[in-house]
Structures are given as structure tokens and as C-alpha cells.
Amino acid sequence: MAFHEVRFPAGLSFGAIGGPERRTEIVSMANGFEQRNTPWVHARRRFDAGMGLRSLDDLSAVIAFFEARAGQLHGFRWKDWTDHKSCLPSVAPVFSDQVIATGDGQTRRFQLTKEYRSGDTVYRRLITKPVLNTVRAGIGGVEVFIGTNYEVDHASGIITFGAAPETGAEITAGYEFDLPVRFDTDRIAVSVASFQAGQVPDIPVIEVRL
């Protein structure tokens, strides 16, 4: 299995239905109380790529993409239109969007992350597929610049600074990002007649762990 650094056509993922999935194990006790636990630290996202198809040309493009990935065999990039930026969907990313780490004077490599906050609870998500030419970074509240001060591995989401940020300095970043996914089927079943009548094929897509 390989991961192909190619994005599913963004115009076709626009109409897809899906989102994050969690796994919770619930045990009901004899006294009516519950014990809840989860084996997953991170959510896993699922989508139906078939819902974004509007024409036979769209279907042809998806079949070509499916064949090039050999069905479930190879992963690829997916744009989740509901959650693809370090900031709100309506604004452009800036270097101060997310605090990803604090400098210790020695470490130069940092993983991009995104914080989800509700009340006092914070979930930190790893971002492994930033979009080319969208990453901006800062150190201690001052923007620094790609090529001069740091480099980005767009296949892993790791920022490498030329010099280690000083101890206590907040390292921030803003970016757009894709999801690493694969098809969750080895078969696409559709007829032209049913498609023209409004029945779209079921083409499940699932996030992969990298």
C-alpha cells in the first residue's frame, strides 16, 4: 500500500456527506449507572463521495480516480469543506491561528496541530497533510517566512526551523489542510439510467491513520 499525494477533485467532494466518527464503549451497570470508555484518541472521518456527483462527466472523473488508486489499495488527499483551515471557514489563515508548541531552545521540528475547544475541554488534532503554499508560521508573536526561516514537509505536516526557537517562545501556525483517506470499497456499482434518474452511487471514503 502507498499514499498518493493527490487530492480527490475538490469540486466533487463539495457535495459529499460525512464528518467525524468516534467509538465509545458503554457498559450499563446493574445499578443503572454507566461506564464509558474509548479506544480511540482521535476521531475518524467518513464521507460518501457519490453525493457530490452531478453529471456523467463527474462520474467518469471519479471512476478514473478510483482506478488510479486501485480501489482501497492506495490512500489519497480529501478536502473536507466543513473543516479544512486552521481558522474559521469564512476567513483566511494567518500565522497566529494555532499555538502548536513552545520553544525549548533545542527542538527545531514541530508537528502542525489544530485545537478544538469547548468550555474547559480541549482536543488537539494532528495535521499531517497541509496544502501546498498555505502554511504560515510565527515565533513569539512575530511572523517568520518559509524558505528563509523554516521549511514544511507537506506529506507529514512537520515544520523544521533553521534555528531552534528560544525557550518559552510560542510557535504558531496557520494553514489549509487535507485529510488522508482511502476508498472504503473495491466496487462502484451504477447504471447510466439510474444515475440520470437521480440515483447516485454509494462511494464511501474513510480517513486513514498515518
C-alpha atoms as a PDB file:
ATOM      1  CA  MET A   1       0.000   0.000   0.000  1.00  0.00           C
ATOM      2  CA  ALA A   2       1.161   3.539  -0.792  1.00  0.00           C
ATOM      3  CA  PHE A   3      -0.185   7.010  -0.202  1.00  0.00           C
ATOM      4  CA  HIS A   4      -0.659   9.111  -3.318  1.00  0.00           C
ATOM      5  CA  GLU A   5      -0.145  12.839  -2.708  1.00  0.00           C
ATOM      6  CA  VAL A   6      -3.036  13.732  -4.981  1.00  0.00           C
ATOM      7  CA  ARG A   7      -6.338  15.304  -3.989  1.00  0.00           C
ATOM      8  CA  PHE A   8      -9.739  13.927  -4.860  1.00  0.00           C
ATOM      9  CA  PRO A   9     -11.377  16.542  -7.140  1.00  0.00           C
ATOM     10  CA  ALA A  10     -12.377  19.290  -4.715  1.00  0.00           C
ATOM     11  CA  GLY A  11     -15.432  20.252  -6.726  1.00  0.00           C
ATOM     12  CA  LEU A  12     -16.780  16.728  -6.320  1.00  0.00           C
ATOM     13  CA  SER A  13     -16.078  16.476  -2.599  1.00  0.00           C
ATOM     14  CA  PHE A  14     -18.040  19.720  -2.077  1.00  0.00           C
ATOM     15  CA  GLY A  15     -21.377  17.913  -2.045  1.00  0.00           C
ATOM     16  CA  ALA A  16     -20.207  14.890  -0.067  1.00  0.00           C
ATOM     17  CA  ILE A  17     -21.946  13.943   3.158  1.00  0.00           C
ATOM     18  CA  GLY A  18     -19.846  12.943   6.141  1.00  0.00           C
ATOM     19  CA  GLY A  19     -17.878  14.001   9.175  1.00  0.00           C
ATOM     20  CA  PRO A  20     -16.067  12.792  12.310  1.00  0.00           C
ATOM     21  CA  GLU A  21     -16.820   9.454  13.927  1.00  0.00           C
ATOM     22  CA  ARG A  22     -15.928   8.412  17.468  1.00  0.00           C
ATOM     23  CA  ARG A  23     -16.011   4.973  19.063  1.00  0.00           C
ATOM     24  CA  THR A  24     -17.408   4.754  22.577  1.00  0.00           C
ATOM     25  CA  GLU A  25     -17.708   1.545  24.576  1.00  0.00           C
ATOM     26  CA  ILE A  26     -20.595   1.706  27.068  1.00  0.00           C
ATOM     27  CA  VAL A  27     -21.226  -0.785  29.851  1.00  0.00           C
ATOM     28  CA  SER A  28     -24.523  -0.475  31.732  1.00  0.00           C
ATOM     29  CA  MET A  29     -24.172  -1.421  35.392  1.00  0.00           C
ATOM     30  CA  ALA A  30     -26.795  -3.261  37.469  1.00  0.00           C
ATOM     31  CA  ASN A  31     -27.457  -0.079  39.460  1.00  0.00           C
ATOM     32  CA  GLY A  32     -28.295   1.897  36.298  1.00  0.00           C
ATOM     33  CA  PHE A  33     -25.023   3.798  36.098  1.00  0.00           C
ATOM     34  CA  GLU A  34     -22.788   3.576  33.037  1.00  0.00           C
ATOM     35  CA  GLN A  35     -19.098   3.171  32.417  1.00  0.00           C
ATOM     36  CA  ARG A  36     -17.928   4.809  29.201  1.00  0.00           C
ATOM     37  CA  ASN A  37     -14.549   4.446  27.572  1.00  0.00           C
ATOM     38  CA  THR A  38     -12.995   4.870  24.143  1.00  0.00           C
ATOM     39  CA  PRO A  39     -10.091   3.052  22.493  1.00  0.00           C
ATOM     40  CA  TRP A  40      -9.625   5.987  20.079  1.00  0.00           C
ATOM     41  CA  VAL A  41      -7.611   9.086  20.928  1.00  0.00           C
ATOM     42  CA  HIS A  42      -8.558  10.707  17.629  1.00  0.00           C
ATOM     43  CA  ALA A  43     -11.784  10.766  15.637  1.00  0.00           C
ATOM     44  CA  ARG A  44     -12.003   9.089  12.238  1.00  0.00           C
ATOM     45  CA  ARG A  45     -13.884  10.779   9.411  1.00  0.00           C
ATOM     46  CA  ARG A  46     -16.127   9.136   6.832  1.00  0.00           C
ATOM     47  CA  PHE A  47     -17.705  10.551   3.695  1.00  0.00           C
ATOM     48  CA  ASP A  48     -19.839   9.468   0.755  1.00  0.00           C
ATOM     49  CA  ALA A  49     -18.126  10.698  -2.396  1.00  0.00           C
ATOM     50  CA  GLY A  50     -21.110   9.728  -4.526  1.00  0.00           C
ATOM     51  CA  MET A  51     -23.208  12.565  -3.127  1.00  0.00           C
ATOM     52  CA  GLY A  52     -21.077  15.175  -4.902  1.00  0.00           C
ATOM     53  CA  LEU A  53     -21.703  13.818  -8.405  1.00  0.00           C
ATOM     54  CA  ARG A  54     -23.927  15.898 -10.656  1.00  0.00           C
ATOM     55  CA  SER A  55     -23.262  14.602 -14.162  1.00  0.00           C
ATOM     56  CA  LEU A  56     -21.946  11.613 -16.097  1.00  0.00           C
ATOM     57  CA  ASP A  57     -18.713  13.557 -16.592  1.00  0.00           C
ATOM     58  CA  ASP A  58     -18.356  13.773 -12.803  1.00  0.00           C
ATOM     59  CA  LEU A  59     -18.937  10.035 -12.542  1.00  0.00           C
ATOM     60  CA  SER A  60     -16.312   9.400 -15.209  1.00  0.00           C
ATOM     61  CA  ALA A  61     -13.788  11.531 -13.288  1.00  0.00           C
ATOM     62  CA  VAL A  62     -14.448   9.605 -10.066  1.00  0.00           C
ATOM     63  CA  ILE A  63     -14.108   6.228 -11.807  1.00  0.00           C
ATOM     64  CA  ALA A  64     -10.770   7.334 -13.288  1.00  0.00           C
ATOM     65  CA  PHE A  65      -9.608   8.448  -9.839  1.00  0.00           C
ATOM     66  CA  PHE A  66     -10.849   5.190  -8.297  1.00  0.00           C
ATOM     67  CA  GLU A  67      -8.983   3.086 -10.884  1.00  0.00           C
ATOM     68  CA  ALA A  68      -5.762   5.078 -10.394  1.00  0.00           C
ATOM     69  CA  ARG A  69      -5.931   4.368  -6.657  1.00  0.00           C
ATOM     70  CA  ALA A  70      -6.690   0.656  -7.300  1.00  0.00           C
ATOM     71  CA  GLY A  71      -9.807   0.844  -5.168  1.00  0.00           C
ATOM     72  CA  GLN A  72      -8.948   0.613  -1.476  1.00  0.00           C
ATOM     73  CA  LEU A  73      -5.255  -0.049  -2.066  1.00  0.00           C
ATOM     74  CA  HIS A  74      -3.799   3.473  -2.128  1.00  0.00           C
ATOM     75  CA  GLY A  75      -4.636   6.458   0.026  1.00  0.00           C
ATOM     76  CA  PHE A  76      -5.149   9.995  -1.220  1.00  0.00           C
ATOM     77  CA  ARG A  77      -5.974  13.541  -0.115  1.00  0.00           C
ATOM     78  CA  TRP A  78      -9.518  14.710   0.538  1.00  0.00           C
ATOM     79  CA  LYS A  79     -10.814  18.245   1.132  1.00  0.00           C
ATOM     80  CA  ASP A  80     -13.349  18.334   3.952  1.00  0.00           C
ATOM     81  CA  TRP A  81     -15.218  21.532   3.135  1.00  0.00           C
ATOM     82  CA  THR A  82     -16.600  21.757   6.674  1.00  0.00           C
ATOM     83  CA  ASP A  83     -13.161  21.690   8.321  1.00  0.00           C
ATOM     84  CA  HIS A  84     -10.110  22.434   6.172  1.00  0.00           C
ATOM     85  CA  LYS A  85      -8.492  25.507   7.753  1.00  0.00           C
ATOM     86  CA  SER A  86      -6.651  26.440  10.940  1.00  0.00           C
ATOM     87  CA  CYS A  87      -9.248  29.193  11.372  1.00  0.00           C
ATOM     88  CA  LEU A  88     -12.945  29.685  10.690  1.00  0.00           C
ATOM     89  CA  PRO A  89     -14.042  28.645   7.175  1.00  0.00           C
ATOM     90  CA  SER A  90     -15.018  32.227   6.294  1.00  0.00           C
ATOM     91  CA  VAL A  91     -11.575  33.790   6.821  1.00  0.00           C
ATOM     92  CA  ALA A  92      -8.037  33.280   5.524  1.00  0.00           C
ATOM     93  CA  PRO A  93      -5.377  31.576   7.671  1.00  0.00           C
ATOM     94  CA  VAL A  94      -2.841  33.783   9.437  1.00  0.00           C
ATOM     95  CA  PHE A  95       0.383  32.855  11.207  1.00  0.00           C
ATOM     96  CA  SER A  96      -1.138  33.225  14.688  1.00  0.00           C
ATOM     97  CA  ASP A  97      -4.151  30.900  14.248  1.00  0.00           C
ATOM     98  CA  GLN A  98      -2.895  27.904  16.234  1.00  0.00           C
ATOM     99  CA  VAL A  99      -0.308  27.527  19.011  1.00  0.00           C
ATOM    100  CA  ILE A 100       1.414  24.281  18.034  1.00  0.00           C
ATOM    101  CA  ALA A 101       4.257  24.202  20.583  1.00  0.00           C
ATOM    102  CA  THR A 102       6.518  26.159  22.931  1.00  0.00           C
ATOM    103  CA  GLY A 103      10.210  26.529  22.174  1.00  0.00           C
ATOM    104  CA  ASP A 104      12.823  24.854  24.356  1.00  0.00           C
ATOM    105  CA  GLY A 105      15.934  26.297  22.715  1.00  0.00           C
ATOM    106  CA  GLN A 106      16.863  22.933  21.146  1.00  0.00           C
ATOM    107  CA  THR A 107      13.945  21.483  19.157  1.00  0.00           C
ATOM    108  CA  ARG A 108      13.650  22.603  15.533  1.00  0.00           C
ATOM    109  CA  ARG A 109      10.956  20.217  14.236  1.00  0.00           C
ATOM    110  CA  PHE A 110       7.293  20.667  15.163  1.00  0.00           C
ATOM    111  CA  GLN A 111       4.094  18.909  14.098  1.00  0.00           C
ATOM    112  CA  LEU A 112       1.199  21.019  12.865  1.00  0.00           C
ATOM    113  CA  THR A 113      -1.855  20.666  15.101  1.00  0.00           C
ATOM    114  CA  LYS A 114      -5.339  22.135  15.386  1.00  0.00           C
ATOM    115  CA  GLU A 115      -7.105  22.839  18.655  1.00  0.00           C
ATOM    116  CA  TYR A 116     -10.827  22.234  19.218  1.00  0.00           C
ATOM    117  CA  ARG A 117     -12.102  23.920  22.372  1.00  0.00           C
ATOM    118  CA  SER A 118     -15.467  23.757  24.126  1.00  0.00           C
ATOM    119  CA  GLY A 119     -15.581  25.218  27.608  1.00  0.00           C
ATOM    120  CA  ASP A 120     -12.582  23.948  29.545  1.00  0.00           C
ATOM    121  CA  THR A 121     -12.151  20.890  27.320  1.00  0.00           C
ATOM    122  CA  VAL A 122      -9.564  20.949  24.536  1.00  0.00           C
ATOM    123  CA  TYR A 123      -8.925  18.354  21.863  1.00  0.00           C
ATOM    124  CA  ARG A 124      -5.715  18.661  19.837  1.00  0.00           C
ATOM    125  CA  ARG A 125      -5.755  17.107  16.370  1.00  0.00           C
ATOM    126  CA  LEU A 126      -2.642  16.223  14.378  1.00  0.00           C
ATOM    127  CA  ILE A 127      -2.491  17.853  10.936  1.00  0.00           C
ATOM    128  CA  THR A 128      -0.446  15.689   8.576  1.00  0.00           C
ATOM    129  CA  LYS A 129      -1.483  16.920   5.115  1.00  0.00           C
ATOM    130  CA  PRO A 130      -1.150  20.720   4.877  1.00  0.00           C
ATOM    131  CA  VAL A 131      -1.948  22.232   1.488  1.00  0.00           C
ATOM    132  CA  LEU A 132       1.000  23.479  -0.564  1.00  0.00           C
ATOM    133  CA  ASN A 133       1.726  27.203  -0.276  1.00  0.00           C
ATOM    134  CA  THR A 134      -0.816  27.814   2.520  1.00  0.00           C
ATOM    135  CA  VAL A 135       1.318  27.369   5.659  1.00  0.00           C
ATOM    136  CA  ARG A 136       2.301  30.483   7.611  1.00  0.00           C
ATOM    137  CA  ALA A 137       4.269  30.364  10.866  1.00  0.00           C
ATOM    138  CA  GLY A 138       5.325  32.597  13.716  1.00  0.00           C
ATOM    139  CA  ILE A 139       7.652  32.585  16.714  1.00  0.00           C
ATOM    140  CA  GLY A 140       6.895  34.652  19.809  1.00  0.00           C
ATOM    141  CA  GLY A 141       4.134  36.601  18.052  1.00  0.00           C
ATOM    142  CA  VAL A 142       6.267  37.546  15.048  1.00  0.00           C
ATOM    143  CA  GLU A 143       5.710  36.030  11.625  1.00  0.00           C
ATOM    144  CA  VAL A 144       8.620  34.155  10.054  1.00  0.00           C
ATOM    145  CA  PHE A 145       8.861  33.083   6.451  1.00  0.00           C
ATOM    146  CA  ILE A 146       9.088  29.812   4.573  1.00  0.00           C
ATOM    147  CA  GLY A 147      12.328  29.282   2.710  1.00  0.00           C
ATOM    148  CA  THR A 148      14.105  31.832   4.898  1.00  0.00           C
ATOM    149  CA  ASN A 149      13.292  30.724   8.434  1.00  0.00           C
ATOM    150  CA  TYR A 150      11.660  27.319   8.051  1.00  0.00           C
ATOM    151  CA  GLU A 151      10.615  24.528   5.687  1.00  0.00           C
ATOM    152  CA  VAL A 152       7.404  22.481   5.585  1.00  0.00           C
ATOM    153  CA  ASP A 153       7.053  18.785   4.808  1.00  0.00           C
ATOM    154  CA  HIS A 154       3.657  18.783   3.103  1.00  0.00           C
ATOM    155  CA  ALA A 155       3.482  14.980   3.269  1.00  0.00           C
ATOM    156  CA  SER A 156       3.764  14.855   7.076  1.00  0.00           C
ATOM    157  CA  GLY A 157       2.799  18.291   8.407  1.00  0.00           C
ATOM    158  CA  ILE A 158       6.158  18.849  10.089  1.00  0.00           C
ATOM    159  CA  ILE A 159       7.714  22.335  10.204  1.00  0.00           C
ATOM    160  CA  THR A 160      11.503  22.487  10.509  1.00  0.00           C
ATOM    161  CA  PHE A 161      13.066  25.789  11.580  1.00  0.00           C
ATOM    162  CA  GLY A 162      16.564  26.761  10.583  1.00  0.00           C
ATOM    163  CA  ALA A 163      17.330  27.711  14.191  1.00  0.00           C
ATOM    164  CA  ALA A 164      15.642  26.349  17.296  1.00  0.00           C
ATOM    165  CA  PRO A 165      13.064  28.783  18.724  1.00  0.00           C
ATOM    166  CA  GLU A 166      14.149  30.206  22.055  1.00  0.00           C
ATOM    167  CA  THR A 167      12.883  28.758  25.321  1.00  0.00           C
ATOM    168  CA  GLY A 168       9.347  29.851  26.161  1.00  0.00           C
ATOM    169  CA  ALA A 169       8.551  31.284  22.723  1.00  0.00           C
ATOM    170  CA  GLU A 170       5.129  30.304  21.376  1.00  0.00           C
ATOM    171  CA  ILE A 171       5.300  28.638  17.971  1.00  0.00           C
ATOM    172  CA  THR A 172       2.192  29.377  15.936  1.00  0.00           C
ATOM    173  CA  ALA A 173       0.899  28.415  12.520  1.00  0.00           C
ATOM    174  CA  GLY A 174      -1.954  28.970  10.105  1.00  0.00           C
ATOM    175  CA  TYR A 175      -2.733  26.731   7.148  1.00  0.00           C
ATOM    176  CA  GLU A 176      -5.212  24.901   4.992  1.00  0.00           C
ATOM    177  CA  PHE A 177      -5.173  21.114   5.145  1.00  0.00           C
ATOM    178  CA  ASP A 178      -6.472  17.930   3.565  1.00  0.00           C
ATOM    179  CA  LEU A 179      -7.430  14.599   5.100  1.00  0.00           C
ATOM    180  CA  PRO A 180      -5.548  11.372   4.364  1.00  0.00           C
ATOM    181  CA  VAL A 181      -8.227   8.933   3.208  1.00  0.00           C
ATOM    182  CA  ARG A 182      -8.872   5.849   1.090  1.00  0.00           C
ATOM    183  CA  PHE A 183     -11.892   4.406  -0.644  1.00  0.00           C
ATOM    184  CA  ASP A 184     -13.809   2.102   1.677  1.00  0.00           C
ATOM    185  CA  THR A 185     -14.910  -0.168  -1.149  1.00  0.00           C
ATOM    186  CA  ASP A 186     -13.372  -2.081  -4.038  1.00  0.00           C
ATOM    187  CA  ARG A 187     -16.502  -1.757  -6.155  1.00  0.00           C
ATOM    188  CA  ILE A 188     -18.503   1.058  -7.732  1.00  0.00           C
ATOM    189  CA  ALA A 189     -21.918  -0.081  -8.936  1.00  0.00           C
ATOM    190  CA  VAL A 190     -24.002   2.306 -11.053  1.00  0.00           C
ATOM    191  CA  SER A 191     -26.086   2.287 -14.195  1.00  0.00           C
ATOM    192  CA  VAL A 192     -26.440   5.241 -16.541  1.00  0.00           C
ATOM    193  CA  ALA A 193     -30.244   5.005 -16.399  1.00  0.00           C
ATOM    194  CA  SER A 194     -30.401   5.099 -12.613  1.00  0.00           C
ATOM    195  CA  PHE A 195     -27.827   7.897 -12.422  1.00  0.00           C
ATOM    196  CA  GLN A 196     -29.764  10.055 -14.888  1.00  0.00           C
ATOM    197  CA  ALA A 197     -32.898   9.377 -12.851  1.00  0.00           C
ATOM    198  CA  GLY A 198     -31.215  10.907  -9.794  1.00  0.00           C
ATOM    199  CA  GLN A 199     -29.908   7.803  -8.036  1.00  0.00           C
ATOM    200  CA  VAL A 200     -26.258   8.375  -7.158  1.00  0.00           C
ATOM    201  CA  PRO A 201     -23.782   5.560  -6.437  1.00  0.00           C
ATOM    202  CA  ASP A 202     -22.561   4.804  -2.932  1.00  0.00           C
ATOM    203  CA  ILE A 203     -18.818   5.602  -2.874  1.00  0.00           C
ATOM    204  CA  PRO A 204     -17.624   5.510   0.761  1.00  0.00           C
ATOM    205  CA  VAL A 205     -14.381   7.207   1.748  1.00  0.00           C
ATOM    206  CA  ILE A 206     -12.699   6.760   5.147  1.00  0.00           C
ATOM    207  CA  GLU A 207      -9.853   8.539   6.909  1.00  0.00           C
ATOM    208  CA  VAL A 208      -6.627   6.572   7.362  1.00  0.00           C
ATOM    209  CA  ARG A 209      -4.110   6.722  10.196  1.00  0.00           C
ATOM    210  CA  LEU A 210      -0.602   7.664   9.135  1.00  0.00           C
END
